[in-house]
Amino acid sequence: MTRTQRKKQAVESIAGYTDFIKSLNLSVIALTESNVKVDRDAYLNEENHAISIGWKAKPVAPAGRDYFDVIAELTVKVAKPKSQTAFLELKATYALHVHCMKDFPNEYGARFCNVEVRLMLWPYFREFVTGMCGRMHIPPVFLPLATR
């Protein structure tokens, strides 16, 4: 493939993805599962907290349909710096239902999960973490405004 052909293919891909994004109509964002584990004494007594964030999202798309679902799992762990054992772990699984153009390429769904879904779900997850910390009566975990 020549440089000109690659450039043309990239432009077509960007235009196609833009059309895909414009066709989206988010119908549902639902928290489907959550889990919290805490060693309250360790969390309260440790002065230095290292925060790690985990993210997995995947599209679930039936072939030929004009919608798809996304399953996203977010995790935050708080531990001593350089420790493998977390004294606070919060997990949340979200389901999204999205209507879209029919017969979209699989790579559009994957790209949507890795970029746009992060932007959409992050405020929900930050609120979940802050709310759970309040309910457990521990100081809040301050998550960054973005994951990247």
C-alpha atoms as a PDB file:
ATOM      1  CA  MET A   1       0.000   0.000   0.000  1.00  0.00           C
ATOM      2  CA  THR A   2       1.380   3.388  -0.983  1.00  0.00           C
ATOM      3  CA  ARG A   3       1.575   6.398   1.301  1.00  0.00           C
ATOM      4  CA  THR A   4      -1.244   8.098  -0.627  1.00  0.00           C
ATOM      5  CA  GLN A   5      -3.473   5.019  -0.281  1.00  0.00           C
ATOM      6  CA  ARG A   6      -2.783   4.833   3.474  1.00  0.00           C
ATOM      7  CA  LYS A   7      -3.606   8.520   3.859  1.00  0.00           C
ATOM      8  CA  LYS A   8      -6.851   8.111   1.878  1.00  0.00           C
ATOM      9  CA  GLN A   9      -7.811   5.069   3.978  1.00  0.00           C
ATOM     10  CA  ALA A  10      -7.115   6.995   7.203  1.00  0.00           C
ATOM     11  CA  VAL A  11      -9.286   9.929   6.079  1.00  0.00           C
ATOM     12  CA  GLU A  12     -12.116   7.547   5.123  1.00  0.00           C
ATOM     13  CA  SER A  13     -11.770   5.806   8.482  1.00  0.00           C
ATOM     14  CA  ILE A  14     -11.958   9.112  10.379  1.00  0.00           C
ATOM     15  CA  ALA A  15     -15.009  10.189   8.365  1.00  0.00           C
ATOM     16  CA  GLY A  16     -16.678   6.817   8.919  1.00  0.00           C
ATOM     17  CA  TYR A  17     -16.025   6.917  12.668  1.00  0.00           C
ATOM     18  CA  THR A  18     -17.346  10.481  12.814  1.00  0.00           C
ATOM     19  CA  ASP A  19     -20.547   9.330  11.103  1.00  0.00           C
ATOM     20  CA  PHE A  20     -20.764   6.446  13.585  1.00  0.00           C
ATOM     21  CA  ILE A  21     -20.394   8.837  16.557  1.00  0.00           C
ATOM     22  CA  LYS A  22     -23.032  11.176  15.124  1.00  0.00           C
ATOM     23  CA  SER A  23     -25.445   8.240  14.806  1.00  0.00           C
ATOM     24  CA  LEU A  24     -25.194   7.284  18.481  1.00  0.00           C
ATOM     25  CA  ASN A  25     -28.127   7.637  20.808  1.00  0.00           C
ATOM     26  CA  LEU A  26     -27.309   6.601  24.374  1.00  0.00           C
ATOM     27  CA  SER A  27     -30.345   4.929  25.894  1.00  0.00           C
ATOM     28  CA  VAL A  28     -29.115   3.515  29.238  1.00  0.00           C
ATOM     29  CA  ILE A  29     -26.235   3.818  31.676  1.00  0.00           C
ATOM     30  CA  ALA A  30     -26.794   1.378  34.537  1.00  0.00           C
ATOM     31  CA  LEU A  31     -24.683   0.309  37.487  1.00  0.00           C
ATOM     32  CA  THR A  32     -25.121  -3.451  37.359  1.00  0.00           C
ATOM     33  CA  GLU A  33     -22.686  -4.638  40.004  1.00  0.00           C
ATOM     34  CA  SER A  34     -20.531  -3.132  42.746  1.00  0.00           C
ATOM     35  CA  ASN A  35     -18.165  -4.439  45.358  1.00  0.00           C
ATOM     36  CA  VAL A  36     -16.160  -2.807  48.135  1.00  0.00           C
ATOM     37  CA  LYS A  37     -13.458  -4.307  50.322  1.00  0.00           C
ATOM     38  CA  VAL A  38     -11.840  -2.239  53.042  1.00  0.00           C
ATOM     39  CA  ASP A  39      -9.422  -2.714  55.917  1.00  0.00           C
ATOM     40  CA  ARG A  40     -10.599   0.421  57.691  1.00  0.00           C
ATOM     41  CA  ASP A  41      -7.834   0.508  60.301  1.00  0.00           C
ATOM     42  CA  ALA A  42      -5.067   0.156  57.705  1.00  0.00           C
ATOM     43  CA  TYR A  43      -6.682   2.808  55.497  1.00  0.00           C
ATOM     44  CA  LEU A  44      -7.043   5.283  58.358  1.00  0.00           C
ATOM     45  CA  ASN A  45      -3.599   4.651  59.869  1.00  0.00           C
ATOM     46  CA  GLU A  46      -1.505   4.749  56.678  1.00  0.00           C
ATOM     47  CA  GLU A  47      -0.388   8.278  55.781  1.00  0.00           C
ATOM     48  CA  ASN A  48       0.757   7.557  52.227  1.00  0.00           C
ATOM     49  CA  HIS A  49      -1.752   6.147  49.795  1.00  0.00           C
ATOM     50  CA  ALA A  50      -0.932   4.818  46.349  1.00  0.00           C
ATOM     51  CA  ILE A  51      -3.953   4.728  44.057  1.00  0.00           C
ATOM     52  CA  SER A  52      -4.223   2.396  41.083  1.00  0.00           C
ATOM     53  CA  ILE A  53      -7.060   2.447  38.591  1.00  0.00           C
ATOM     54  CA  GLY A  54      -8.236  -0.435  36.428  1.00  0.00           C
ATOM     55  CA  TRP A  55     -10.443  -0.177  33.362  1.00  0.00           C
ATOM     56  CA  LYS A  56     -11.969  -2.761  31.023  1.00  0.00           C
ATOM     57  CA  ALA A  57     -14.722  -2.083  28.529  1.00  0.00           C
ATOM     58  CA  LYS A  58     -15.995  -4.169  25.661  1.00  0.00           C
ATOM     59  CA  PRO A  59     -18.806  -3.813  23.152  1.00  0.00           C
ATOM     60  CA  VAL A  60     -21.418  -6.513  22.940  1.00  0.00           C
ATOM     61  CA  ALA A  61     -22.885  -6.109  19.486  1.00  0.00           C
ATOM     62  CA  PRO A  62     -25.219  -8.495  17.730  1.00  0.00           C
ATOM     63  CA  ALA A  63     -24.348  -8.601  14.034  1.00  0.00           C
ATOM     64  CA  GLY A  64     -26.453  -6.469  11.731  1.00  0.00           C
ATOM     65  CA  ARG A  65     -28.324  -4.669  14.500  1.00  0.00           C
ATOM     66  CA  ASP A  66     -28.752  -0.943  14.979  1.00  0.00           C
ATOM     67  CA  TYR A  67     -27.707  -1.026  18.632  1.00  0.00           C
ATOM     68  CA  PHE A  68     -25.042  -2.425  20.892  1.00  0.00           C
ATOM     69  CA  ASP A  69     -24.325  -2.795  24.577  1.00  0.00           C
ATOM     70  CA  VAL A  70     -21.141  -1.968  26.423  1.00  0.00           C
ATOM     71  CA  ILE A  71     -19.964  -3.659  29.595  1.00  0.00           C
ATOM     72  CA  ALA A  72     -17.410  -1.604  31.522  1.00  0.00           C
ATOM     73  CA  GLU A  73     -15.614  -2.646  34.703  1.00  0.00           C
ATOM     74  CA  LEU A  74     -13.816   0.011  36.725  1.00  0.00           C
ATOM     75  CA  THR A  75     -11.663  -0.614  39.776  1.00  0.00           C
ATOM     76  CA  VAL A  76      -9.764   1.605  42.168  1.00  0.00           C
ATOM     77  CA  LYS A  77      -7.298   0.169  44.673  1.00  0.00           C
ATOM     78  CA  VAL A  78      -5.596   2.016  47.500  1.00  0.00           C
ATOM     79  CA  ALA A  79      -2.501   0.551  49.125  1.00  0.00           C
ATOM     80  CA  LYS A  80       0.808   1.493  50.680  1.00  0.00           C
ATOM     81  CA  PRO A  81       3.217   2.709  48.011  1.00  0.00           C
ATOM     82  CA  LYS A  82       4.919  -0.265  46.302  1.00  0.00           C
ATOM     83  CA  SER A  83       2.621  -2.745  48.079  1.00  0.00           C
ATOM     84  CA  GLN A  84       0.646  -5.437  46.273  1.00  0.00           C
ATOM     85  CA  THR A  85      -1.971  -5.674  49.031  1.00  0.00           C
ATOM     86  CA  ALA A  86      -4.751  -3.099  48.833  1.00  0.00           C
ATOM     87  CA  PHE A  87      -6.462  -1.935  51.981  1.00  0.00           C
ATOM     88  CA  LEU A  88      -9.296  -0.404  49.970  1.00  0.00           C
ATOM     89  CA  GLU A  89     -10.735  -1.767  46.728  1.00  0.00           C
ATOM     90  CA  LEU A  90     -13.845  -0.470  44.985  1.00  0.00           C
ATOM     91  CA  LYS A  91     -15.255  -2.104  41.839  1.00  0.00           C
ATOM     92  CA  ALA A  92     -18.174  -1.063  39.693  1.00  0.00           C
ATOM     93  CA  THR A  93     -19.611  -2.634  36.556  1.00  0.00           C
ATOM     94  CA  TYR A  94     -21.730  -0.525  34.240  1.00  0.00           C
ATOM     95  CA  ALA A  95     -23.885  -1.493  31.286  1.00  0.00           C
ATOM     96  CA  LEU A  96     -24.630   0.937  28.482  1.00  0.00           C
ATOM     97  CA  HIS A  97     -27.212   0.464  25.761  1.00  0.00           C
ATOM     98  CA  VAL A  98     -26.542   2.508  22.633  1.00  0.00           C
ATOM     99  CA  HIS A  99     -28.541   2.830  19.400  1.00  0.00           C
ATOM    100  CA  CYS A 100     -26.503   3.542  16.278  1.00  0.00           C
ATOM    101  CA  MET A 101     -26.108   3.143  12.549  1.00  0.00           C
ATOM    102  CA  LYS A 102     -26.685  -0.359  11.240  1.00  0.00           C
ATOM    103  CA  ASP A 103     -23.784  -2.661  10.327  1.00  0.00           C
ATOM    104  CA  PHE A 104     -20.961  -0.642  11.862  1.00  0.00           C
ATOM    105  CA  PRO A 105     -17.399  -2.068  11.773  1.00  0.00           C
ATOM    106  CA  ASN A 106     -16.236  -3.868  14.927  1.00  0.00           C
ATOM    107  CA  GLU A 107     -13.280  -1.504  15.317  1.00  0.00           C
ATOM    108  CA  TYR A 108     -15.699   1.419  15.795  1.00  0.00           C
ATOM    109  CA  GLY A 109     -17.257  -0.299  18.807  1.00  0.00           C
ATOM    110  CA  ALA A 110     -13.845  -1.093  20.281  1.00  0.00           C
ATOM    111  CA  ARG A 111     -12.626   2.467  19.742  1.00  0.00           C
ATOM    112  CA  PHE A 112     -15.810   3.854  21.273  1.00  0.00           C
ATOM    113  CA  CYS A 113     -15.243   1.682  24.379  1.00  0.00           C
ATOM    114  CA  ASN A 114     -11.643   2.774  24.788  1.00  0.00           C
ATOM    115  CA  VAL A 115     -12.185   6.495  24.280  1.00  0.00           C
ATOM    116  CA  GLU A 116     -15.715   7.856  24.509  1.00  0.00           C
ATOM    117  CA  VAL A 117     -17.031   5.417  27.126  1.00  0.00           C
ATOM    118  CA  ARG A 118     -14.179   6.474  29.411  1.00  0.00           C
ATOM    119  CA  LEU A 119     -15.326  10.073  29.136  1.00  0.00           C
ATOM    120  CA  MET A 120     -18.952   9.134  29.711  1.00  0.00           C
ATOM    121  CA  LEU A 121     -18.510   6.809  32.705  1.00  0.00           C
ATOM    122  CA  TRP A 122     -15.694   8.483  34.594  1.00  0.00           C
ATOM    123  CA  PRO A 123     -17.925  11.062  36.387  1.00  0.00           C
ATOM    124  CA  TYR A 124     -20.294   8.270  37.455  1.00  0.00           C
ATOM    125  CA  PHE A 125     -17.415   6.202  38.837  1.00  0.00           C
ATOM    126  CA  ARG A 126     -15.881   9.183  40.653  1.00  0.00           C
ATOM    127  CA  GLU A 127     -19.246   9.830  42.308  1.00  0.00           C
ATOM    128  CA  PHE A 128     -19.568   6.132  43.185  1.00  0.00           C
ATOM    129  CA  VAL A 129     -16.136   6.112  44.867  1.00  0.00           C
ATOM    130  CA  THR A 130     -16.765   9.357  46.762  1.00  0.00           C
ATOM    131  CA  GLY A 131     -20.229   8.222  47.874  1.00  0.00           C
ATOM    132  CA  MET A 132     -18.994   4.843  49.082  1.00  0.00           C
ATOM    133  CA  CYS A 133     -16.175   6.454  51.050  1.00  0.00           C
ATOM    134  CA  GLY A 134     -18.740   8.685  52.754  1.00  0.00           C
ATOM    135  CA  ARG A 135     -20.960   5.708  53.565  1.00  0.00           C
ATOM    136  CA  MET A 136     -17.966   3.866  55.068  1.00  0.00           C
ATOM    137  CA  HIS A 137     -17.056   6.987  57.051  1.00  0.00           C
ATOM    138  CA  ILE A 138     -13.509   7.134  55.710  1.00  0.00           C
ATOM    139  CA  PRO A 139     -11.719  10.061  54.044  1.00  0.00           C
ATOM    140  CA  PRO A 140     -12.536  10.183  50.324  1.00  0.00           C
ATOM    141  CA  VAL A 141     -10.271   8.866  47.611  1.00  0.00           C
ATOM    142  CA  PHE A 142      -9.610  11.745  45.255  1.00  0.00           C
ATOM    143  CA  LEU A 143      -9.592  10.420  41.712  1.00  0.00           C
ATOM    144  CA  PRO A 144      -8.170  12.468  38.846  1.00  0.00           C
ATOM    145  CA  LEU A 145     -10.509  14.272  36.476  1.00  0.00           C
ATOM    146  CA  ALA A 146      -9.532  11.912  33.657  1.00  0.00           C
ATOM    147  CA  THR A 147      -8.037   8.435  33.381  1.00  0.00           C
ATOM    148  CA  ARG A 148      -5.411   9.330  30.775  1.00  0.00           C
END
